[in-house]
N, C-alpha and C. Protein backbone atom coordinates (compact mmCIF):
# COMPACT_ATOMS: atom_id res chain seq x y z
N UNK A 1 0.85 -1.18 0.00
CA UNK A 1 0.00 0.00 0.00
C UNK A 1 0.89 1.23 0.00
N UNK A 2 0.62 2.10 -0.92
CA UNK A 2 1.42 3.32 -1.04
C UNK A 2 0.98 4.34 0.02
N UNK A 3 1.94 4.94 0.68
CA UNK A 3 1.68 5.94 1.73
C UNK A 3 1.73 7.32 1.08
N UNK A 4 0.65 7.70 0.36
CA UNK A 4 0.67 8.94 -0.41
C UNK A 4 -0.34 9.98 0.06
N UNK A 5 -1.24 9.59 0.99
CA UNK A 5 -2.24 10.53 1.48
C UNK A 5 -2.07 10.75 2.97
N UNK A 6 -2.63 11.87 3.44
CA UNK A 6 -2.55 12.22 4.86
C UNK A 6 -3.89 12.77 5.31
N UNK A 7 -4.06 12.89 6.61
CA UNK A 7 -5.26 13.46 7.19
C UNK A 7 -5.55 14.81 6.55
N UNK A 8 -6.81 15.00 6.16
CA UNK A 8 -7.23 16.25 5.55
C UNK A 8 -7.24 16.26 4.04
N UNK A 9 -6.64 15.25 3.40
CA UNK A 9 -6.66 15.18 1.93
C UNK A 9 -8.09 14.93 1.45
N UNK A 10 -8.41 15.45 0.26
CA UNK A 10 -9.78 15.40 -0.28
C UNK A 10 -9.81 14.72 -1.65
N UNK A 11 -10.94 14.07 -1.91
CA UNK A 11 -11.30 13.55 -3.23
C UNK A 11 -12.78 13.83 -3.41
N UNK A 12 -13.20 14.06 -4.64
CA UNK A 12 -14.62 14.27 -4.87
C UNK A 12 -15.01 13.82 -6.27
N UNK A 13 -16.30 13.62 -6.44
CA UNK A 13 -16.87 13.35 -7.75
C UNK A 13 -18.32 13.80 -7.74
N UNK A 14 -18.89 13.91 -8.93
CA UNK A 14 -20.29 14.34 -9.07
C UNK A 14 -21.06 13.31 -9.86
N UNK A 15 -22.35 13.21 -9.55
CA UNK A 15 -23.23 12.37 -10.35
C UNK A 15 -24.63 12.94 -10.34
N UNK A 16 -25.36 12.68 -11.40
CA UNK A 16 -26.74 13.12 -11.56
C UNK A 16 -27.66 12.02 -11.01
N UNK A 17 -28.62 12.40 -10.19
CA UNK A 17 -29.58 11.44 -9.64
C UNK A 17 -30.44 10.90 -10.79
N UNK A 18 -30.46 9.57 -10.91
CA UNK A 18 -31.22 8.87 -11.94
C UNK A 18 -32.42 8.17 -11.30
N UNK A 19 -33.36 7.75 -12.13
CA UNK A 19 -34.53 7.00 -11.63
C UNK A 19 -34.10 5.77 -10.83
N UNK A 20 -33.04 5.11 -11.29
CA UNK A 20 -32.56 3.90 -10.60
C UNK A 20 -31.97 4.17 -9.23
N UNK A 21 -31.74 5.42 -8.89
CA UNK A 21 -31.21 5.79 -7.57
C UNK A 21 -32.32 5.97 -6.54
N UNK A 22 -33.57 5.93 -6.98
CA UNK A 22 -34.71 6.14 -6.08
C UNK A 22 -35.00 4.89 -5.27
N UNK A 23 -35.70 5.09 -4.16
CA UNK A 23 -36.13 3.96 -3.33
C UNK A 23 -37.28 3.25 -4.03
N UNK A 24 -37.04 2.00 -4.42
CA UNK A 24 -38.04 1.16 -5.05
C UNK A 24 -38.06 -0.15 -4.29
N UNK A 25 -39.18 -0.46 -3.68
CA UNK A 25 -39.31 -1.70 -2.93
C UNK A 25 -40.46 -2.52 -3.52
N UNK A 26 -40.15 -3.79 -3.82
CA UNK A 26 -41.14 -4.70 -4.41
C UNK A 26 -41.81 -4.08 -5.63
N UNK A 27 -40.99 -3.40 -6.44
CA UNK A 27 -41.48 -2.81 -7.68
C UNK A 27 -42.23 -1.50 -7.51
N UNK A 28 -42.35 -1.01 -6.29
CA UNK A 28 -43.10 0.23 -6.04
C UNK A 28 -42.13 1.39 -5.77
N UNK A 29 -42.23 2.42 -6.60
CA UNK A 29 -41.43 3.63 -6.41
C UNK A 29 -42.01 4.41 -5.23
N UNK A 30 -41.18 4.65 -4.22
CA UNK A 30 -41.66 5.38 -3.05
C UNK A 30 -41.56 6.88 -3.23
N UNK A 31 -40.39 7.34 -3.69
CA UNK A 31 -40.16 8.78 -3.86
C UNK A 31 -39.19 8.98 -5.03
N UNK A 32 -39.33 10.08 -5.75
CA UNK A 32 -38.42 10.38 -6.86
C UNK A 32 -37.24 11.21 -6.34
N UNK A 33 -36.58 10.68 -5.33
CA UNK A 33 -35.39 11.30 -4.75
C UNK A 33 -34.33 10.23 -4.56
N UNK A 34 -33.10 10.66 -4.40
CA UNK A 34 -31.99 9.73 -4.20
C UNK A 34 -32.19 8.98 -2.88
N UNK A 35 -32.15 7.68 -2.94
CA UNK A 35 -32.35 6.85 -1.76
C UNK A 35 -31.09 6.81 -0.90
N UNK A 36 -31.29 6.45 0.34
CA UNK A 36 -30.16 6.32 1.25
C UNK A 36 -29.24 5.20 0.79
N UNK A 37 -29.80 4.11 0.26
CA UNK A 37 -28.92 3.03 -0.18
C UNK A 37 -28.11 3.42 -1.41
N UNK A 38 -28.61 4.31 -2.25
CA UNK A 38 -27.80 4.81 -3.37
C UNK A 38 -26.70 5.73 -2.85
N UNK A 39 -27.02 6.52 -1.83
CA UNK A 39 -25.98 7.34 -1.20
C UNK A 39 -24.88 6.46 -0.64
N UNK A 40 -25.25 5.32 -0.05
CA UNK A 40 -24.25 4.40 0.51
C UNK A 40 -23.26 3.95 -0.56
N UNK A 41 -23.78 3.59 -1.72
CA UNK A 41 -22.90 3.18 -2.83
C UNK A 41 -21.93 4.30 -3.18
N UNK A 42 -22.43 5.52 -3.27
CA UNK A 42 -21.60 6.64 -3.69
C UNK A 42 -20.66 7.11 -2.58
N UNK A 43 -21.05 6.97 -1.32
CA UNK A 43 -20.14 7.25 -0.20
C UNK A 43 -18.94 6.32 -0.29
N UNK A 44 -19.21 5.04 -0.52
CA UNK A 44 -18.11 4.07 -0.60
C UNK A 44 -17.21 4.37 -1.81
N UNK A 45 -17.81 4.77 -2.92
CA UNK A 45 -17.00 5.10 -4.10
C UNK A 45 -16.12 6.32 -3.82
N UNK A 46 -16.67 7.32 -3.14
CA UNK A 46 -15.90 8.54 -2.85
C UNK A 46 -14.63 8.21 -2.06
N UNK A 47 -14.76 7.33 -1.08
CA UNK A 47 -13.56 6.98 -0.31
C UNK A 47 -12.66 6.02 -1.09
N UNK A 48 -13.24 5.20 -1.93
CA UNK A 48 -12.43 4.29 -2.74
C UNK A 48 -11.51 5.04 -3.70
N UNK A 49 -11.86 6.25 -4.06
CA UNK A 49 -11.00 7.04 -4.94
C UNK A 49 -9.58 7.16 -4.38
N UNK A 50 -9.45 7.18 -3.06
CA UNK A 50 -8.11 7.18 -2.45
C UNK A 50 -7.43 5.84 -2.68
N UNK A 51 -8.17 4.76 -2.43
CA UNK A 51 -7.58 3.42 -2.54
C UNK A 51 -7.14 3.09 -3.96
N UNK A 52 -7.81 3.64 -4.95
CA UNK A 52 -7.40 3.37 -6.33
C UNK A 52 -5.96 3.80 -6.57
N UNK A 53 -5.54 4.86 -5.91
CA UNK A 53 -4.16 5.34 -6.05
C UNK A 53 -3.22 4.68 -5.04
N UNK A 54 -3.75 4.23 -3.91
CA UNK A 54 -2.93 3.68 -2.84
C UNK A 54 -2.57 2.21 -3.04
N UNK A 55 -3.45 1.46 -3.68
CA UNK A 55 -3.27 0.01 -3.70
C UNK A 55 -2.20 -0.43 -4.68
N UNK A 56 -1.50 -1.48 -4.26
CA UNK A 56 -0.55 -2.15 -5.14
C UNK A 56 -1.32 -3.17 -5.96
N UNK A 57 -0.68 -3.71 -6.99
CA UNK A 57 -1.37 -4.65 -7.89
C UNK A 57 -1.90 -5.89 -7.17
N UNK A 58 -1.24 -6.29 -6.08
CA UNK A 58 -1.66 -7.50 -5.37
C UNK A 58 -2.57 -7.20 -4.18
N UNK A 59 -3.16 -6.00 -4.14
CA UNK A 59 -4.00 -5.58 -3.02
C UNK A 59 -5.39 -5.17 -3.50
N UNK A 60 -6.32 -5.20 -2.54
CA UNK A 60 -7.68 -4.73 -2.81
C UNK A 60 -8.27 -4.22 -1.51
N UNK A 61 -9.15 -3.23 -1.64
CA UNK A 61 -9.83 -2.67 -0.47
C UNK A 61 -11.11 -3.42 -0.18
N UNK A 62 -11.48 -3.41 1.10
CA UNK A 62 -12.73 -4.03 1.53
C UNK A 62 -13.35 -3.13 2.59
N UNK A 63 -14.65 -2.91 2.48
CA UNK A 63 -15.34 -2.03 3.41
C UNK A 63 -15.40 -2.60 4.80
N UNK A 64 -15.28 -1.74 5.80
CA UNK A 64 -15.36 -2.16 7.20
C UNK A 64 -16.50 -1.47 7.94
N UNK A 65 -16.90 -0.30 7.49
CA UNK A 65 -18.04 0.38 8.13
C UNK A 65 -18.54 1.50 7.25
N UNK A 66 -19.80 1.86 7.52
CA UNK A 66 -20.44 2.93 6.77
C UNK A 66 -21.51 3.54 7.66
N UNK A 67 -21.52 4.86 7.74
CA UNK A 67 -22.61 5.55 8.44
C UNK A 67 -23.07 6.70 7.56
N UNK A 68 -24.38 6.92 7.57
CA UNK A 68 -24.98 7.99 6.76
C UNK A 68 -26.04 8.69 7.58
N UNK A 69 -25.97 10.00 7.62
CA UNK A 69 -27.05 10.82 8.16
C UNK A 69 -27.66 11.54 6.96
N UNK A 70 -28.83 11.07 6.55
CA UNK A 70 -29.51 11.62 5.37
C UNK A 70 -30.29 12.85 5.83
N UNK A 71 -29.94 14.02 5.31
CA UNK A 71 -30.45 15.29 5.84
C UNK A 71 -31.47 16.00 4.95
N UNK A 72 -31.39 15.79 3.65
CA UNK A 72 -32.21 16.56 2.72
C UNK A 72 -32.36 15.76 1.43
N UNK A 73 -33.46 15.93 0.70
CA UNK A 73 -33.62 15.17 -0.53
C UNK A 73 -32.79 15.71 -1.69
N UNK A 74 -32.39 14.80 -2.55
CA UNK A 74 -31.80 15.15 -3.84
C UNK A 74 -32.72 14.56 -4.89
N UNK A 75 -33.31 15.41 -5.71
CA UNK A 75 -34.33 14.99 -6.66
C UNK A 75 -33.72 14.45 -7.95
N UNK A 76 -34.48 13.59 -8.63
CA UNK A 76 -34.05 13.06 -9.92
C UNK A 76 -33.68 14.24 -10.82
N UNK A 77 -32.52 14.15 -11.45
CA UNK A 77 -32.03 15.20 -12.33
C UNK A 77 -31.06 16.16 -11.66
N UNK A 78 -31.03 16.18 -10.34
CA UNK A 78 -30.09 17.07 -9.65
C UNK A 78 -28.71 16.44 -9.59
N UNK A 79 -27.70 17.29 -9.55
CA UNK A 79 -26.31 16.84 -9.47
C UNK A 79 -25.86 16.87 -8.01
N UNK A 80 -25.38 15.71 -7.54
CA UNK A 80 -24.85 15.61 -6.18
C UNK A 80 -23.32 15.61 -6.27
N UNK A 81 -22.71 16.39 -5.41
CA UNK A 81 -21.24 16.37 -5.28
C UNK A 81 -20.91 15.60 -4.01
N UNK A 82 -20.09 14.57 -4.16
CA UNK A 82 -19.64 13.76 -3.04
C UNK A 82 -18.19 14.13 -2.74
N UNK A 83 -17.94 14.53 -1.51
CA UNK A 83 -16.60 14.95 -1.10
C UNK A 83 -16.13 14.06 0.05
N UNK A 84 -15.02 13.38 -0.16
CA UNK A 84 -14.42 12.52 0.86
C UNK A 84 -13.18 13.20 1.40
N UNK A 85 -13.01 13.13 2.71
CA UNK A 85 -11.84 13.70 3.37
C UNK A 85 -11.22 12.63 4.26
N UNK A 86 -9.91 12.46 4.15
CA UNK A 86 -9.22 11.49 5.00
C UNK A 86 -9.29 11.97 6.45
N UNK A 87 -9.92 11.16 7.29
CA UNK A 87 -9.94 11.45 8.72
C UNK A 87 -8.70 10.86 9.39
N UNK A 88 -8.40 9.60 9.00
CA UNK A 88 -7.16 8.98 9.49
C UNK A 88 -6.82 7.77 8.66
N UNK A 89 -5.55 7.46 8.66
CA UNK A 89 -5.05 6.23 8.08
C UNK A 89 -4.26 5.54 9.19
N UNK A 90 -4.72 4.36 9.57
CA UNK A 90 -4.09 3.61 10.65
C UNK A 90 -3.67 2.26 10.10
N UNK A 91 -2.38 2.10 9.86
CA UNK A 91 -1.83 0.91 9.23
C UNK A 91 -2.47 0.73 7.87
N UNK A 92 -3.33 -0.30 7.72
CA UNK A 92 -3.95 -0.57 6.42
C UNK A 92 -5.42 -0.15 6.37
N UNK A 93 -5.86 0.67 7.33
CA UNK A 93 -7.26 1.11 7.36
C UNK A 93 -7.38 2.60 7.07
N UNK A 94 -8.31 2.92 6.20
CA UNK A 94 -8.60 4.29 5.80
C UNK A 94 -9.99 4.65 6.32
N UNK A 95 -10.08 5.74 7.09
CA UNK A 95 -11.35 6.26 7.56
C UNK A 95 -11.56 7.61 6.90
N UNK A 96 -12.71 7.79 6.26
CA UNK A 96 -13.03 9.05 5.58
C UNK A 96 -14.34 9.61 6.11
N UNK A 97 -14.40 10.93 6.17
CA UNK A 97 -15.68 11.60 6.36
C UNK A 97 -16.18 11.97 4.98
N UNK A 98 -17.49 11.88 4.80
CA UNK A 98 -18.09 12.12 3.49
C UNK A 98 -19.19 13.16 3.64
N UNK A 99 -19.26 14.05 2.65
CA UNK A 99 -20.35 15.02 2.59
C UNK A 99 -20.91 15.00 1.18
N UNK A 100 -22.24 14.92 1.10
CA UNK A 100 -22.93 14.97 -0.19
C UNK A 100 -23.76 16.24 -0.22
N UNK A 101 -23.66 16.98 -1.33
CA UNK A 101 -24.41 18.23 -1.41
C UNK A 101 -24.91 18.48 -2.83
N UNK A 102 -26.02 19.20 -2.89
CA UNK A 102 -26.55 19.72 -4.14
C UNK A 102 -26.43 21.23 -4.01
N UNK A 103 -25.56 21.80 -4.82
CA UNK A 103 -25.20 23.22 -4.67
C UNK A 103 -24.78 23.47 -3.23
N UNK A 104 -25.41 24.37 -2.52
CA UNK A 104 -25.04 24.67 -1.13
C UNK A 104 -25.85 23.87 -0.11
N UNK A 105 -26.74 23.02 -0.58
CA UNK A 105 -27.61 22.24 0.32
C UNK A 105 -26.97 20.90 0.64
N UNK A 106 -26.76 20.62 1.93
CA UNK A 106 -26.19 19.34 2.34
C UNK A 106 -27.27 18.27 2.29
N UNK A 107 -26.98 17.21 1.56
CA UNK A 107 -27.90 16.09 1.39
C UNK A 107 -27.65 15.04 2.48
N UNK A 108 -26.38 14.76 2.72
CA UNK A 108 -26.04 13.72 3.69
C UNK A 108 -24.59 13.90 4.14
N UNK A 109 -24.32 13.40 5.34
CA UNK A 109 -22.95 13.34 5.87
C UNK A 109 -22.75 11.95 6.44
N UNK A 110 -21.50 11.57 6.62
CA UNK A 110 -21.23 10.27 7.21
C UNK A 110 -19.77 9.91 7.17
N UNK A 111 -19.51 8.62 7.33
CA UNK A 111 -18.15 8.09 7.38
C UNK A 111 -18.10 6.74 6.68
N UNK A 112 -16.92 6.45 6.17
CA UNK A 112 -16.65 5.13 5.63
C UNK A 112 -15.36 4.61 6.23
N UNK A 113 -15.26 3.31 6.29
CA UNK A 113 -14.02 2.64 6.69
C UNK A 113 -13.70 1.57 5.67
N UNK A 114 -12.43 1.48 5.31
CA UNK A 114 -11.97 0.45 4.39
C UNK A 114 -10.60 -0.02 4.83
N UNK A 115 -10.35 -1.30 4.61
CA UNK A 115 -9.02 -1.85 4.87
C UNK A 115 -8.44 -2.35 3.56
N UNK A 116 -7.14 -2.18 3.44
CA UNK A 116 -6.41 -2.69 2.29
C UNK A 116 -5.82 -4.04 2.68
N UNK A 117 -6.14 -5.06 1.89
CA UNK A 117 -5.61 -6.40 2.14
C UNK A 117 -5.00 -6.95 0.88
N UNK A 118 -4.10 -7.91 1.07
CA UNK A 118 -3.57 -8.63 -0.08
C UNK A 118 -4.73 -9.41 -0.71
N UNK A 119 -4.79 -9.45 -2.02
CA UNK A 119 -5.88 -10.13 -2.72
C UNK A 119 -5.97 -11.60 -2.30
N UNK A 120 -4.82 -12.25 -2.10
CA UNK A 120 -4.81 -13.65 -1.71
C UNK A 120 -5.43 -13.83 -0.32
N UNK A 121 -5.10 -12.96 0.61
CA UNK A 121 -5.68 -13.03 1.95
C UNK A 121 -7.19 -12.79 1.89
N UNK A 122 -7.61 -11.82 1.12
CA UNK A 122 -9.02 -11.50 0.98
C UNK A 122 -9.79 -12.68 0.38
N UNK A 123 -9.21 -13.30 -0.63
CA UNK A 123 -9.83 -14.48 -1.25
C UNK A 123 -10.01 -15.59 -0.22
N UNK A 124 -8.97 -15.84 0.59
CA UNK A 124 -9.06 -16.88 1.62
C UNK A 124 -10.12 -16.54 2.67
N UNK A 125 -10.20 -15.28 3.06
CA UNK A 125 -11.23 -14.87 4.03
C UNK A 125 -12.62 -15.14 3.48
N UNK A 126 -12.83 -14.80 2.21
CA UNK A 126 -14.13 -15.01 1.60
C UNK A 126 -14.44 -16.51 1.46
N UNK A 127 -13.44 -17.29 1.09
CA UNK A 127 -13.65 -18.74 0.96
C UNK A 127 -13.99 -19.35 2.31
N UNK A 128 -13.28 -18.98 3.36
CA UNK A 128 -13.53 -19.54 4.69
C UNK A 128 -14.85 -19.05 5.26
N UNK A 129 -15.25 -17.84 4.93
CA UNK A 129 -16.51 -17.29 5.42
C UNK A 129 -17.72 -17.95 4.78
N UNK A 130 -17.53 -18.56 3.61
CA UNK A 130 -18.64 -19.17 2.90
C UNK A 130 -18.91 -20.60 3.39
N UNK A 131 -18.08 -21.10 4.28
CA UNK A 131 -18.25 -22.49 4.76
C UNK A 131 -19.09 -22.55 5.98
């Protein structure tokens, strides 16, 4: 794992809320706004942007925790900006704070945790966990 980031470093990306990002349960559309579970996917991606540069060819990241405080709706067609900030890096674990916003309106805040592991070790963990 490359030691190239420090506390306070930032990564961000933007995406437009699509119909598929809405809460749909048992085929029923509940609201035409970005769902919390879609935010979860994008929170994890925002922090993974660090790992894409940090990981060696024989390594891969795996999520360890995720928290989201959903504060305001983001409607279909609106652009959400996801900003990840390194809170800490402890050995092979990266903790990021995440903020999602539409213009100046905060949609959600939270944290992600990921660990970097050797691909072989991760494969063995998954194989043993499936038994």
